[in-house]
Amino acid sequence: MESSLHKQLKQLYADDGAEIEWKLGKYRIDVVSDDELIEIQHGSLAAIRDKVADLTRNHRMLVVKPLVVRKRLVKLDAKGGRVVSRRLSPKKGDVLDLFDELVYFTRVFPHPNLTLETPLVEIEEWRYPGHGRRRRRRKNDQVVEDQKLLKLQTIHSFRTAADLLRLIPADLPTPFHTAHLAQAMGISRTKAQQIAYCLRQTAALQVCGKHVNARLYRRSA
């Protein structure tokens, strides 16, 4: 079932005269506005990779990947039941979460007909206890009933590999390796390696040597 969050984002991107849930060949498009196909994807970008590759051959396309930066958890006593608690999730997200998805999307992005947008959103997630067939249900076995948009913080837009480079510091040494990247951004080496992989696969970075066992990178011209 379509979540409230998905409906809210569709309305956000649907200008006057836009078509919603438009059929194009074998595909259903969330929004069509000014001849641009708009696809709002809450799940993995890998799930729509082939669809996007197919459609961008002949159409301009905007893929909207919302990133949850803050989440309020609303617990119900049962499906459609009463609210028993509300609390903020300790987990926080940021725009760098895009690279978790981009790992599986570099065969598609960048493309001249494709724009990728990442709205940073605060949401409310409504949950109720699961009742599966397992003999012993885990204490935290919860089913998500709905997600609702509370606040739109900002929207990041990416059309080219150079746009992705805005997400890493401009004052990195030349060349640099992922330890430099991790230290400059205050992130783990593993996350820095993921970012470097995506930037290399999209041709934003070029490998220009090695330092011991670490690849050395420089920005592409």
N, C-alpha and C. Protein backbone atom coordinates (compact mmCIF):
# COMPACT_ATOMS: atom_id res chain seq x y z
N MET A 1 0.84 -1.19 0.00
CA MET A 1 0.00 0.00 0.00
C MET A 1 0.88 1.25 0.00
N GLU A 2 0.46 2.26 -0.74
CA GLU A 2 1.23 3.49 -0.85
C GLU A 2 1.25 4.22 0.49
N SER A 3 2.43 4.64 0.91
CA SER A 3 2.55 5.34 2.19
C SER A 3 2.12 6.80 2.04
N SER A 4 1.80 7.41 3.18
CA SER A 4 1.47 8.85 3.19
C SER A 4 2.66 9.66 2.71
N LEU A 5 3.87 9.24 3.07
CA LEU A 5 5.08 9.95 2.64
C LEU A 5 5.17 9.99 1.12
N HIS A 6 4.90 8.86 0.48
CA HIS A 6 4.97 8.80 -0.98
C HIS A 6 3.93 9.72 -1.60
N LYS A 7 2.72 9.72 -1.05
CA LYS A 7 1.67 10.60 -1.56
C LYS A 7 2.05 12.06 -1.38
N GLN A 8 2.62 12.40 -0.23
CA GLN A 8 3.00 13.78 0.04
C GLN A 8 4.09 14.26 -0.91
N LEU A 9 5.06 13.39 -1.19
CA LEU A 9 6.13 13.77 -2.10
C LEU A 9 5.61 13.89 -3.54
N LYS A 10 4.68 13.04 -3.91
CA LYS A 10 4.08 13.17 -5.24
C LYS A 10 3.41 14.52 -5.40
N GLN A 11 2.67 14.93 -4.38
CA GLN A 11 2.01 16.23 -4.44
C GLN A 11 3.01 17.37 -4.49
N LEU A 12 4.14 17.20 -3.80
CA LEU A 12 5.18 18.21 -3.79
C LEU A 12 5.76 18.42 -5.20
N TYR A 13 5.91 17.33 -5.94
CA TYR A 13 6.53 17.40 -7.26
C TYR A 13 5.53 17.57 -8.39
N ALA A 14 4.25 17.52 -8.09
CA ALA A 14 3.23 17.64 -9.13
C ALA A 14 2.81 19.10 -9.28
N ASP A 15 3.31 19.76 -10.33
CA ASP A 15 2.90 21.13 -10.61
C ASP A 15 1.49 21.13 -11.19
N ASP A 16 0.94 22.33 -11.38
CA ASP A 16 -0.36 22.45 -12.03
C ASP A 16 -0.30 21.81 -13.42
N GLY A 17 -1.27 20.96 -13.71
CA GLY A 17 -1.30 20.31 -15.01
C GLY A 17 -0.50 19.03 -15.09
N ALA A 18 0.18 18.65 -14.01
CA ALA A 18 0.98 17.42 -14.01
C ALA A 18 0.06 16.19 -14.02
N GLU A 19 0.55 15.12 -14.63
CA GLU A 19 -0.15 13.84 -14.62
C GLU A 19 0.43 12.98 -13.49
N ILE A 20 -0.46 12.33 -12.74
CA ILE A 20 -0.04 11.46 -11.64
C ILE A 20 -0.42 10.02 -11.96
N GLU A 21 0.50 9.10 -11.64
CA GLU A 21 0.29 7.67 -11.92
C GLU A 21 -0.02 7.46 -13.40
N TRP A 22 0.91 7.94 -14.23
CA TRP A 22 0.74 7.92 -15.68
C TRP A 22 1.32 6.63 -16.24
N LYS A 23 0.62 6.01 -17.19
CA LYS A 23 1.08 4.76 -17.80
C LYS A 23 1.89 5.06 -19.05
N LEU A 24 3.10 4.52 -19.11
CA LEU A 24 3.98 4.69 -20.27
C LEU A 24 4.51 3.32 -20.64
N GLY A 25 3.95 2.74 -21.69
CA GLY A 25 4.35 1.39 -22.07
C GLY A 25 4.09 0.41 -20.94
N LYS A 26 5.11 -0.32 -20.54
CA LYS A 26 4.97 -1.29 -19.46
C LYS A 26 5.21 -0.68 -18.09
N TYR A 27 5.47 0.63 -18.06
CA TYR A 27 5.82 1.28 -16.80
C TYR A 27 4.69 2.20 -16.31
N ARG A 28 4.66 2.37 -15.01
CA ARG A 28 3.79 3.37 -14.39
C ARG A 28 4.69 4.45 -13.78
N ILE A 29 4.43 5.70 -14.11
CA ILE A 29 5.27 6.82 -13.69
C ILE A 29 4.54 7.59 -12.60
N ASP A 30 5.24 7.93 -11.52
CA ASP A 30 4.60 8.65 -10.41
C ASP A 30 4.02 9.99 -10.84
N VAL A 31 4.86 10.80 -11.50
CA VAL A 31 4.43 12.13 -11.93
C VAL A 31 5.06 12.44 -13.28
N VAL A 32 4.28 13.05 -14.17
CA VAL A 32 4.82 13.57 -15.42
C VAL A 32 4.51 15.06 -15.46
N SER A 33 5.56 15.89 -15.52
CA SER A 33 5.41 17.34 -15.50
C SER A 33 6.34 17.96 -16.54
N ASP A 34 5.76 18.74 -17.45
CA ASP A 34 6.54 19.40 -18.50
C ASP A 34 7.42 18.40 -19.25
N ASP A 35 6.83 17.28 -19.62
CA ASP A 35 7.52 16.22 -20.39
C ASP A 35 8.68 15.58 -19.63
N GLU A 36 8.74 15.79 -18.34
CA GLU A 36 9.76 15.12 -17.52
C GLU A 36 9.09 14.04 -16.68
N LEU A 37 9.66 12.84 -16.70
CA LEU A 37 9.15 11.73 -15.91
C LEU A 37 9.76 11.80 -14.52
N ILE A 38 8.91 11.77 -13.50
CA ILE A 38 9.39 11.89 -12.11
C ILE A 38 9.07 10.60 -11.37
N GLU A 39 10.09 9.96 -10.88
CA GLU A 39 9.94 8.70 -10.15
C GLU A 39 10.43 8.90 -8.71
N ILE A 40 9.55 8.64 -7.75
CA ILE A 40 9.88 8.79 -6.34
C ILE A 40 10.16 7.40 -5.77
N GLN A 41 11.37 7.20 -5.29
CA GLN A 41 11.80 5.87 -4.89
C GLN A 41 12.25 5.85 -3.43
N HIS A 42 11.43 5.21 -2.59
CA HIS A 42 11.79 5.07 -1.18
C HIS A 42 12.72 3.89 -0.95
N GLY A 43 12.55 2.84 -1.74
CA GLY A 43 13.38 1.65 -1.60
C GLY A 43 14.72 1.83 -2.28
N SER A 44 15.37 0.71 -2.53
CA SER A 44 16.70 0.73 -3.13
C SER A 44 16.64 1.25 -4.56
N LEU A 45 17.62 2.07 -4.94
CA LEU A 45 17.71 2.53 -6.32
C LEU A 45 17.99 1.37 -7.26
N ALA A 46 18.57 0.29 -6.74
CA ALA A 46 18.83 -0.88 -7.58
C ALA A 46 17.53 -1.43 -8.15
N ALA A 47 16.42 -1.28 -7.43
CA ALA A 47 15.14 -1.84 -7.87
C ALA A 47 14.61 -1.15 -9.12
N ILE A 48 15.01 0.10 -9.37
CA ILE A 48 14.51 0.82 -10.55
C ILE A 48 15.63 1.09 -11.56
N ARG A 49 16.78 0.48 -11.36
CA ARG A 49 17.93 0.75 -12.23
C ARG A 49 17.61 0.44 -13.70
N ASP A 50 17.05 -0.72 -13.98
CA ASP A 50 16.76 -1.09 -15.37
C ASP A 50 15.66 -0.22 -15.95
N LYS A 51 14.66 0.11 -15.14
CA LYS A 51 13.57 0.99 -15.58
C LYS A 51 14.11 2.35 -15.98
N VAL A 52 14.98 2.91 -15.15
CA VAL A 52 15.56 4.22 -15.44
C VAL A 52 16.45 4.17 -16.68
N ALA A 53 17.25 3.12 -16.80
CA ALA A 53 18.12 2.98 -17.97
C ALA A 53 17.30 2.92 -19.24
N ASP A 54 16.17 2.24 -19.20
CA ASP A 54 15.29 2.11 -20.36
C ASP A 54 14.64 3.44 -20.70
N LEU A 55 14.06 4.10 -19.72
CA LEU A 55 13.29 5.31 -19.97
C LEU A 55 14.15 6.51 -20.38
N THR A 56 15.37 6.59 -19.85
CA THR A 56 16.22 7.74 -20.16
C THR A 56 16.80 7.69 -21.58
N ARG A 57 16.56 6.61 -22.28
CA ARG A 57 16.99 6.58 -23.68
C ARG A 57 16.24 7.63 -24.51
N ASN A 58 14.97 7.85 -24.15
CA ASN A 58 14.14 8.74 -24.95
C ASN A 58 13.40 9.81 -24.16
N HIS A 59 13.60 9.84 -22.84
CA HIS A 59 12.85 10.78 -22.01
C HIS A 59 13.75 11.44 -20.98
N ARG A 60 13.42 12.68 -20.64
CA ARG A 60 14.05 13.31 -19.48
C ARG A 60 13.43 12.72 -18.23
N MET A 61 14.25 12.48 -17.22
CA MET A 61 13.75 11.81 -16.03
C MET A 61 14.37 12.41 -14.76
N LEU A 62 13.52 12.53 -13.75
CA LEU A 62 13.95 12.98 -12.43
C LEU A 62 13.67 11.85 -11.45
N VAL A 63 14.72 11.34 -10.83
CA VAL A 63 14.57 10.31 -9.80
C VAL A 63 14.73 10.99 -8.44
N VAL A 64 13.71 10.83 -7.61
CA VAL A 64 13.68 11.44 -6.29
C VAL A 64 13.92 10.35 -5.25
N LYS A 65 15.04 10.45 -4.54
CA LYS A 65 15.39 9.49 -3.51
C LYS A 65 15.39 10.20 -2.16
N PRO A 66 14.27 10.16 -1.41
CA PRO A 66 14.26 10.84 -0.10
C PRO A 66 15.20 10.15 0.88
N LEU A 67 15.92 10.94 1.64
CA LEU A 67 16.82 10.43 2.67
C LEU A 67 16.31 10.90 4.03
N VAL A 68 16.05 9.94 4.90
CA VAL A 68 15.49 10.26 6.22
C VAL A 68 16.62 10.69 7.15
N VAL A 69 16.55 11.94 7.60
CA VAL A 69 17.59 12.47 8.49
C VAL A 69 17.15 12.46 9.95
N ARG A 70 15.83 12.38 10.17
CA ARG A 70 15.30 12.32 11.54
C ARG A 70 13.98 11.56 11.49
N LYS A 71 13.77 10.70 12.49
CA LYS A 71 12.58 9.86 12.48
C LYS A 71 11.95 9.83 13.87
N ARG A 72 10.65 10.09 13.92
CA ARG A 72 9.90 9.92 15.15
C ARG A 72 9.12 8.61 15.05
N LEU A 73 9.31 7.74 16.03
CA LEU A 73 8.66 6.43 16.02
C LEU A 73 7.36 6.50 16.82
N VAL A 74 6.28 6.10 16.19
CA VAL A 74 4.96 6.07 16.83
C VAL A 74 4.55 4.61 16.95
N LYS A 75 4.40 4.14 18.18
CA LYS A 75 4.07 2.74 18.42
C LYS A 75 2.58 2.59 18.70
N LEU A 76 1.95 1.66 17.98
CA LEU A 76 0.53 1.34 18.16
C LEU A 76 0.41 0.01 18.91
N ASP A 77 -0.72 -0.19 19.58
CA ASP A 77 -0.90 -1.47 20.28
C ASP A 77 -1.30 -2.59 19.33
N ALA A 78 -1.78 -2.22 18.12
CA ALA A 78 -2.17 -3.21 17.12
C ALA A 78 -2.33 -2.48 15.79
N LYS A 79 -2.49 -3.23 14.71
CA LYS A 79 -2.71 -2.62 13.41
C LYS A 79 -3.96 -1.75 13.45
N GLY A 80 -3.79 -0.47 13.10
CA GLY A 80 -4.91 0.47 13.15
C GLY A 80 -5.37 0.80 14.55
N GLY A 81 -4.55 0.45 15.56
CA GLY A 81 -4.95 0.63 16.95
C GLY A 81 -4.59 1.98 17.52
N ARG A 82 -4.56 2.03 18.85
CA ARG A 82 -4.29 3.30 19.53
C ARG A 82 -2.79 3.49 19.73
N VAL A 83 -2.40 4.75 19.85
CA VAL A 83 -1.00 5.10 20.05
C VAL A 83 -0.63 4.84 21.51
N VAL A 84 0.47 4.08 21.72
CA VAL A 84 0.92 3.80 23.08
C VAL A 84 2.21 4.54 23.43
N SER A 85 2.95 4.97 22.41
CA SER A 85 4.18 5.73 22.72
C SER A 85 4.67 6.46 21.48
N ARG A 86 5.42 7.53 21.75
CA ARG A 86 6.10 8.28 20.70
C ARG A 86 7.51 8.58 21.19
N ARG A 87 8.48 8.39 20.32
CA ARG A 87 9.86 8.70 20.69
C ARG A 87 10.68 8.98 19.43
N LEU A 88 11.75 9.77 19.61
CA LEU A 88 12.65 10.03 18.50
C LEU A 88 13.63 8.89 18.35
N SER A 89 13.85 8.45 17.14
CA SER A 89 14.87 7.43 16.90
C SER A 89 16.25 8.06 17.12
N PRO A 90 17.16 7.34 17.78
CA PRO A 90 18.51 7.89 17.98
C PRO A 90 19.32 7.97 16.69
N LYS A 91 18.89 7.24 15.68
CA LYS A 91 19.63 7.21 14.43
C LYS A 91 19.33 8.45 13.61
N LYS A 92 20.38 9.09 13.11
CA LYS A 92 20.23 10.27 12.26
C LYS A 92 20.91 10.00 10.92
N GLY A 93 20.32 10.55 9.86
CA GLY A 93 20.89 10.40 8.54
C GLY A 93 21.42 11.71 8.01
N ASP A 94 22.07 11.67 6.87
CA ASP A 94 22.53 12.88 6.18
C ASP A 94 22.67 12.57 4.70
N VAL A 95 23.09 13.56 3.93
CA VAL A 95 23.15 13.41 2.48
C VAL A 95 24.15 12.35 2.05
N LEU A 96 25.13 12.03 2.89
CA LEU A 96 26.10 11.01 2.53
C LEU A 96 25.47 9.62 2.44
N ASP A 97 24.27 9.46 3.00
CA ASP A 97 23.56 8.19 2.86
C ASP A 97 23.24 7.88 1.40
N LEU A 98 23.29 8.89 0.55
CA LEU A 98 23.07 8.67 -0.88
C LEU A 98 24.04 7.63 -1.43
N PHE A 99 25.26 7.62 -0.92
CA PHE A 99 26.26 6.70 -1.47
C PHE A 99 25.93 5.24 -1.15
N ASP A 100 25.13 4.98 -0.11
CA ASP A 100 24.67 3.62 0.14
C ASP A 100 23.85 3.10 -1.02
N GLU A 101 23.15 4.01 -1.70
CA GLU A 101 22.31 3.65 -2.84
C GLU A 101 23.06 3.78 -4.16
N LEU A 102 23.92 4.77 -4.25
CA LEU A 102 24.61 5.04 -5.50
C LEU A 102 25.54 3.89 -5.90
N VAL A 103 25.99 3.13 -4.92
CA VAL A 103 26.82 1.95 -5.20
C VAL A 103 26.17 1.07 -6.26
N TYR A 104 24.85 0.97 -6.23
CA TYR A 104 24.11 0.09 -7.15
C TYR A 104 23.52 0.84 -8.34
N PHE A 105 23.89 2.11 -8.50
CA PHE A 105 23.22 2.94 -9.50
C PHE A 105 24.21 3.59 -10.46
N THR A 106 25.48 3.26 -10.33
CA THR A 106 26.50 3.94 -11.14
C THR A 106 26.48 3.51 -12.60
N ARG A 107 25.78 2.43 -12.93
CA ARG A 107 25.63 2.05 -14.33
C ARG A 107 24.63 2.97 -15.04
N VAL A 108 23.82 3.69 -14.25
CA VAL A 108 22.77 4.55 -14.79
C VAL A 108 23.13 6.02 -14.66
N PHE A 109 23.69 6.40 -13.53
CA PHE A 109 24.04 7.79 -13.25
C PHE A 109 25.54 7.97 -13.34
N PRO A 110 26.01 9.06 -14.00
CA PRO A 110 25.24 10.14 -14.63
C PRO A 110 24.78 9.79 -16.04
N HIS A 111 23.76 10.52 -16.49
CA HIS A 111 23.23 10.38 -17.85
C HIS A 111 22.65 11.74 -18.25
N PRO A 112 22.80 12.13 -19.52
CA PRO A 112 22.32 13.46 -19.93
C PRO A 112 20.84 13.69 -19.70
N ASN A 113 20.05 12.63 -19.69
CA ASN A 113 18.60 12.78 -19.50
C ASN A 113 18.15 12.56 -18.06
N LEU A 114 19.09 12.42 -17.15
CA LEU A 114 18.73 12.03 -15.78
C LEU A 114 19.18 13.08 -14.76
N THR A 115 18.26 13.42 -13.86
CA THR A 115 18.58 14.22 -12.68
C THR A 115 18.22 13.39 -11.46
N LEU A 116 19.09 13.41 -10.47
CA LEU A 116 18.86 12.69 -9.21
C LEU A 116 18.72 13.71 -8.10
N GLU A 117 17.59 13.67 -7.38
CA GLU A 117 17.39 14.59 -6.27
C GLU A 117 17.20 13.82 -4.97
N THR A 118 17.77 14.39 -3.91
CA THR A 118 17.69 13.76 -2.59
C THR A 118 17.09 14.75 -1.58
N PRO A 119 15.78 14.73 -1.41
CA PRO A 119 15.18 15.54 -0.34
C PRO A 119 15.58 14.96 1.03
N LEU A 120 16.09 15.80 1.91
CA LEU A 120 16.39 15.38 3.28
C LEU A 120 15.14 15.64 4.11
N VAL A 121 14.56 14.57 4.64
CA VAL A 121 13.24 14.68 5.26
C VAL A 121 13.26 14.19 6.71
N GLU A 122 12.38 14.80 7.49
CA GLU A 122 12.06 14.30 8.83
C GLU A 122 10.69 13.65 8.74
N ILE A 123 10.58 12.45 9.27
CA ILE A 123 9.34 11.71 9.11
C ILE A 123 8.83 11.16 10.44
N GLU A 124 7.58 10.71 10.40
CA GLU A 124 6.98 9.98 11.50
C GLU A 124 6.69 8.57 10.96
N GLU A 125 7.13 7.57 11.71
CA GLU A 125 6.91 6.18 11.28
C GLU A 125 6.00 5.48 12.28
N TRP A 126 4.85 5.00 11.80
CA TRP A 126 3.86 4.34 12.63
C TRP A 126 4.07 2.83 12.56
N ARG A 127 4.19 2.20 13.74
CA ARG A 127 4.49 0.77 13.81
C ARG A 127 3.52 0.07 14.75
N TYR A 128 3.33 -1.22 14.50
CA TYR A 128 2.55 -2.05 15.42
C TYR A 128 3.22 -3.41 15.56
N PRO A 129 2.95 -4.15 16.64
CA PRO A 129 3.62 -5.44 16.87
C PRO A 129 3.29 -6.44 15.76
N GLY A 130 4.32 -7.15 15.31
CA GLY A 130 4.13 -8.17 14.28
C GLY A 130 3.54 -9.43 14.89
N HIS A 131 2.84 -10.18 14.07
CA HIS A 131 2.24 -11.43 14.54
C HIS A 131 2.50 -12.50 13.48
N GLY A 132 3.77 -12.83 13.33
CA GLY A 132 4.14 -13.85 12.35
C GLY A 132 3.87 -15.25 12.86
N ARG A 133 4.29 -16.23 12.07
CA ARG A 133 4.05 -17.62 12.43
C ARG A 133 5.11 -18.18 13.37
N ARG A 134 6.13 -17.36 13.64
CA ARG A 134 7.19 -17.87 14.52
C ARG A 134 6.66 -18.14 15.91
N ARG A 135 7.12 -19.22 16.50
CA ARG A 135 6.64 -19.62 17.82
C ARG A 135 6.97 -18.58 18.87
N ARG A 136 8.15 -18.00 18.74
CA ARG A 136 8.56 -16.98 19.71
C ARG A 136 8.84 -15.69 18.94
N ARG A 137 7.96 -14.77 19.06
CA ARG A 137 8.13 -13.48 18.38
C ARG A 137 9.11 -12.61 19.16
N ARG A 138 10.05 -12.03 18.44
CA ARG A 138 11.03 -11.15 19.09
C ARG A 138 10.34 -9.92 19.66
N LYS A 139 10.92 -9.43 20.74
CA LYS A 139 10.34 -8.28 21.44
C LYS A 139 10.20 -7.08 20.52
N ASN A 140 11.18 -6.86 19.62
CA ASN A 140 11.17 -5.68 18.77
C ASN A 140 10.68 -5.98 17.36
N ASP A 141 9.92 -7.06 17.19
CA ASP A 141 9.37 -7.40 15.90
C ASP A 141 8.21 -6.45 15.59
N GLN A 142 8.48 -5.44 14.77
CA GLN A 142 7.49 -4.39 14.50
C GLN A 142 7.19 -4.33 13.00
N VAL A 143 5.95 -4.04 12.68
CA VAL A 143 5.52 -3.86 11.29
C VAL A 143 5.26 -2.38 11.06
N VAL A 144 5.81 -1.84 9.97
CA VAL A 144 5.59 -0.43 9.65
C VAL A 144 4.23 -0.29 8.98
N GLU A 145 3.35 0.47 9.60
CA GLU A 145 2.02 0.70 9.05
C GLU A 145 2.01 1.88 8.08
N ASP A 146 2.77 2.93 8.41
CA ASP A 146 2.77 4.11 7.55
C ASP A 146 3.96 4.98 7.88
N GLN A 147 4.32 5.84 6.94
CA GLN A 147 5.32 6.87 7.15
C GLN A 147 4.74 8.19 6.68
N LYS A 148 4.98 9.25 7.45
CA LYS A 148 4.40 10.55 7.15
C LYS A 148 5.47 11.63 7.17
N LEU A 149 5.41 12.53 6.22
CA LEU A 149 6.36 13.64 6.15
C LEU A 149 6.05 14.67 7.22
N LEU A 150 7.05 14.98 8.04
CA LEU A 150 6.91 16.03 9.04
C LEU A 150 7.56 17.33 8.58
N LYS A 151 8.73 17.20 7.95
CA LYS A 151 9.47 18.41 7.56
C LYS A 151 10.40 18.08 6.40
N LEU A 152 10.45 18.98 5.45
CA LEU A 152 11.43 18.89 4.37
C LEU A 152 12.55 19.87 4.68
N GLN A 153 13.75 19.36 4.96
CA GLN A 153 14.86 20.24 5.33
C GLN A 153 15.45 20.95 4.13
N THR A 154 15.88 20.18 3.15
CA THR A 154 16.49 20.74 1.95
C THR A 154 16.49 19.68 0.87
N ILE A 155 16.78 20.09 -0.37
CA ILE A 155 16.85 19.17 -1.49
C ILE A 155 18.20 19.35 -2.19
N HIS A 156 18.91 18.25 -2.36
CA HIS A 156 20.17 18.26 -3.12
C HIS A 156 19.88 17.70 -4.51
N SER A 157 20.44 18.35 -5.52
CA SER A 157 20.20 17.95 -6.90
C SER A 157 21.52 17.59 -7.57
N PHE A 158 21.52 16.48 -8.31
CA PHE A 158 22.73 15.99 -8.97
C PHE A 158 22.42 15.66 -10.43
N ARG A 159 23.20 16.23 -11.35
CA ARG A 159 23.04 15.92 -12.77
C ARG A 159 24.31 15.36 -13.36
N THR A 160 25.45 15.74 -12.80
CA THR A 160 26.74 15.33 -13.35
C THR A 160 27.61 14.74 -12.26
N ALA A 161 28.68 14.11 -12.68
CA ALA A 161 29.65 13.59 -11.72
C ALA A 161 30.26 14.72 -10.90
N ALA A 162 30.44 15.88 -11.54
CA ALA A 162 31.01 17.04 -10.82
C ALA A 162 30.10 17.46 -9.67
N ASP A 163 28.79 17.28 -9.83
CA ASP A 163 27.87 17.62 -8.74
C ASP A 163 28.14 16.77 -7.51
N LEU A 164 28.50 15.51 -7.72
CA LEU A 164 28.80 14.63 -6.59
C LEU A 164 30.05 15.09 -5.85
N LEU A 165 30.99 15.68 -6.57
CA LEU A 165 32.23 16.13 -5.94
C LEU A 165 31.99 17.23 -4.91
N ARG A 166 30.83 17.91 -4.99
CA ARG A 166 30.52 18.94 -4.00
C ARG A 166 30.36 18.35 -2.60
N LEU A 167 30.15 17.05 -2.53
CA LEU A 167 29.92 16.40 -1.23
C LEU A 167 31.21 16.07 -0.49
N ILE A 168 32.35 16.22 -1.16
CA ILE A 168 33.62 15.97 -0.47
C ILE A 168 34.39 17.28 -0.36
N PRO A 169 35.28 17.40 0.64
CA PRO A 169 35.99 18.66 0.85
C PRO A 169 36.81 19.09 -0.36
N ALA A 170 36.85 20.39 -0.59
CA ALA A 170 37.60 20.92 -1.73
C ALA A 170 39.09 21.00 -1.45
N ASP A 171 39.48 20.95 -0.17
CA ASP A 171 40.88 21.17 0.18
C ASP A 171 41.64 19.88 0.46
N LEU A 172 41.19 18.76 -0.11
CA LEU A 172 41.95 17.51 0.03
C LEU A 172 43.28 17.64 -0.69
N PRO A 173 44.29 16.93 -0.23
CA PRO A 173 45.58 16.97 -0.95
C PRO A 173 45.43 16.34 -2.34
N THR A 174 46.35 16.65 -3.22
CA THR A 174 46.36 16.07 -4.56
C THR A 174 47.70 15.38 -4.78
N PRO A 175 47.70 14.04 -4.94
CA PRO A 175 46.55 13.13 -4.85
C PRO A 175 46.19 12.85 -3.39
N PHE A 176 45.09 12.13 -3.20
CA PHE A 176 44.66 11.75 -1.85
C PHE A 176 44.22 10.29 -1.85
N HIS A 177 44.18 9.70 -0.66
CA HIS A 177 43.63 8.35 -0.53
C HIS A 177 42.49 8.39 0.47
N THR A 178 41.87 7.25 0.70
CA THR A 178 40.64 7.25 1.49
C THR A 178 40.87 7.56 2.97
N ALA A 179 42.09 7.41 3.45
CA ALA A 179 42.36 7.83 4.83
C ALA A 179 42.29 9.35 4.94
N HIS A 180 42.81 10.05 3.92
CA HIS A 180 42.67 11.52 3.89
C HIS A 180 41.19 11.90 3.87
N LEU A 181 40.42 11.21 3.03
CA LEU A 181 39.00 11.51 2.89
C LEU A 181 38.25 11.27 4.20
N ALA A 182 38.55 10.15 4.85
CA ALA A 182 37.89 9.82 6.12
C ALA A 182 38.19 10.87 7.19
N GLN A 183 39.45 11.27 7.28
CA GLN A 183 39.84 12.26 8.30
C GLN A 183 39.22 13.62 8.02
N ALA A 184 39.22 14.03 6.76
CA ALA A 184 38.69 15.35 6.41
C ALA A 184 37.18 15.45 6.63
N MET A 185 36.47 14.31 6.46
CA MET A 185 35.02 14.34 6.55
C MET A 185 34.51 13.84 7.90
N GLY A 186 35.40 13.33 8.73
CA GLY A 186 35.00 12.82 10.03
C GLY A 186 34.13 11.57 9.92
N ILE A 187 34.48 10.69 8.98
CA ILE A 187 33.72 9.47 8.74
C ILE A 187 34.65 8.26 8.84
N SER A 188 34.08 7.07 8.81
CA SER A 188 34.89 5.86 8.89
C SER A 188 35.65 5.63 7.58
N ARG A 189 36.72 4.86 7.66
CA ARG A 189 37.47 4.54 6.44
C ARG A 189 36.60 3.73 5.48
N THR A 190 35.74 2.87 6.03
CA THR A 190 34.85 2.08 5.18
C THR A 190 33.90 2.97 4.39
N LYS A 191 33.34 3.97 5.04
CA LYS A 191 32.45 4.91 4.35
C LYS A 191 33.23 5.70 3.30
N ALA A 192 34.44 6.10 3.63
CA ALA A 192 35.27 6.84 2.67
C ALA A 192 35.58 5.98 1.45
N GLN A 193 35.80 4.69 1.66
CA GLN A 193 36.05 3.78 0.54
C GLN A 193 34.81 3.65 -0.34
N GLN A 194 33.65 3.62 0.29
CA GLN A 194 32.39 3.54 -0.47
C GLN A 194 32.21 4.79 -1.33
N ILE A 195 32.46 5.96 -0.74
CA ILE A 195 32.34 7.22 -1.47
C ILE A 195 33.33 7.26 -2.63
N ALA A 196 34.58 6.89 -2.37
CA ALA A 196 35.60 6.90 -3.42
C ALA A 196 35.23 5.95 -4.56
N TYR A 197 34.67 4.79 -4.21
CA TYR A 197 34.25 3.82 -5.23
C TYR A 197 33.19 4.45 -6.14
N CYS A 198 32.17 5.07 -5.54
CA CYS A 198 31.10 5.68 -6.33
C CYS A 198 31.63 6.80 -7.21
N LEU A 199 32.50 7.62 -6.66
CA LEU A 199 33.05 8.73 -7.44
C LEU A 199 33.95 8.23 -8.56
N ARG A 200 34.64 7.13 -8.32
CA ARG A 200 35.47 6.55 -9.38
C ARG A 200 34.60 5.94 -10.48
N GLN A 201 33.54 5.23 -10.07
CA GLN A 201 32.66 4.58 -11.05
C GLN A 201 31.89 5.59 -11.90
N THR A 202 31.64 6.77 -11.35
CA THR A 202 30.94 7.81 -12.11
C THR A 202 31.92 8.74 -12.83
N ALA A 203 33.21 8.42 -12.75
CA ALA A 203 34.27 9.18 -13.41
C ALA A 203 34.49 10.56 -12.80
N ALA A 204 34.01 10.77 -11.58
CA ALA A 204 34.29 12.02 -10.88
C ALA A 204 35.73 12.04 -10.37
N LEU A 205 36.24 10.87 -10.03
CA LEU A 205 37.63 10.71 -9.60
C LEU A 205 38.36 9.77 -10.53
N GLN A 206 39.66 9.99 -10.61
CA GLN A 206 40.52 9.09 -11.38
C GLN A 206 41.59 8.51 -10.46
N VAL A 207 41.90 7.24 -10.65
CA VAL A 207 43.00 6.61 -9.93
C VAL A 207 44.30 7.04 -10.59
N CYS A 208 45.23 7.53 -9.76
CA CYS A 208 46.48 8.05 -10.34
C CYS A 208 47.72 7.45 -9.68
N GLY A 209 47.57 6.30 -9.03
CA GLY A 209 48.72 5.65 -8.42
C GLY A 209 48.32 4.92 -7.15
N LYS A 210 49.34 4.49 -6.39
CA LYS A 210 49.09 3.78 -5.14
C LYS A 210 50.09 4.26 -4.09
N HIS A 211 49.64 4.25 -2.86
CA HIS A 211 50.51 4.51 -1.72
C HIS A 211 50.42 3.29 -0.82
N VAL A 212 51.49 2.50 -0.79
CA VAL A 212 51.47 1.17 -0.15
C VAL A 212 50.35 0.37 -0.83
N ASN A 213 49.27 0.05 -0.10
CA ASN A 213 48.17 -0.70 -0.72
C ASN A 213 46.95 0.17 -1.01
N ALA A 214 47.05 1.46 -0.78
CA ALA A 214 45.90 2.35 -0.96
C ALA A 214 45.95 3.03 -2.33
N ARG A 215 44.80 3.05 -3.02
CA ARG A 215 44.71 3.78 -4.27
C ARG A 215 44.83 5.29 -4.00
N LEU A 216 45.48 5.97 -4.92
CA LEU A 216 45.56 7.43 -4.88
C LEU A 216 44.58 7.99 -5.92
N TYR A 217 43.88 9.05 -5.54
CA TYR A 217 42.86 9.63 -6.41
C TYR A 217 43.15 11.10 -6.69
N ARG A 218 42.66 11.54 -7.82
CA ARG A 218 42.61 12.98 -8.12
C ARG A 218 41.27 13.25 -8.81
N ARG A 219 40.83 14.49 -8.71
CA ARG A 219 39.58 14.87 -9.37
C ARG A 219 39.75 14.83 -10.89
N SER A 220 38.73 14.39 -11.57
CA SER A 220 38.77 14.37 -13.03
C SER A 220 38.68 15.79 -13.57
N ALA A 221 39.28 16.00 -14.70
CA ALA A 221 39.24 17.33 -15.32
C ALA A 221 37.82 17.64 -15.76
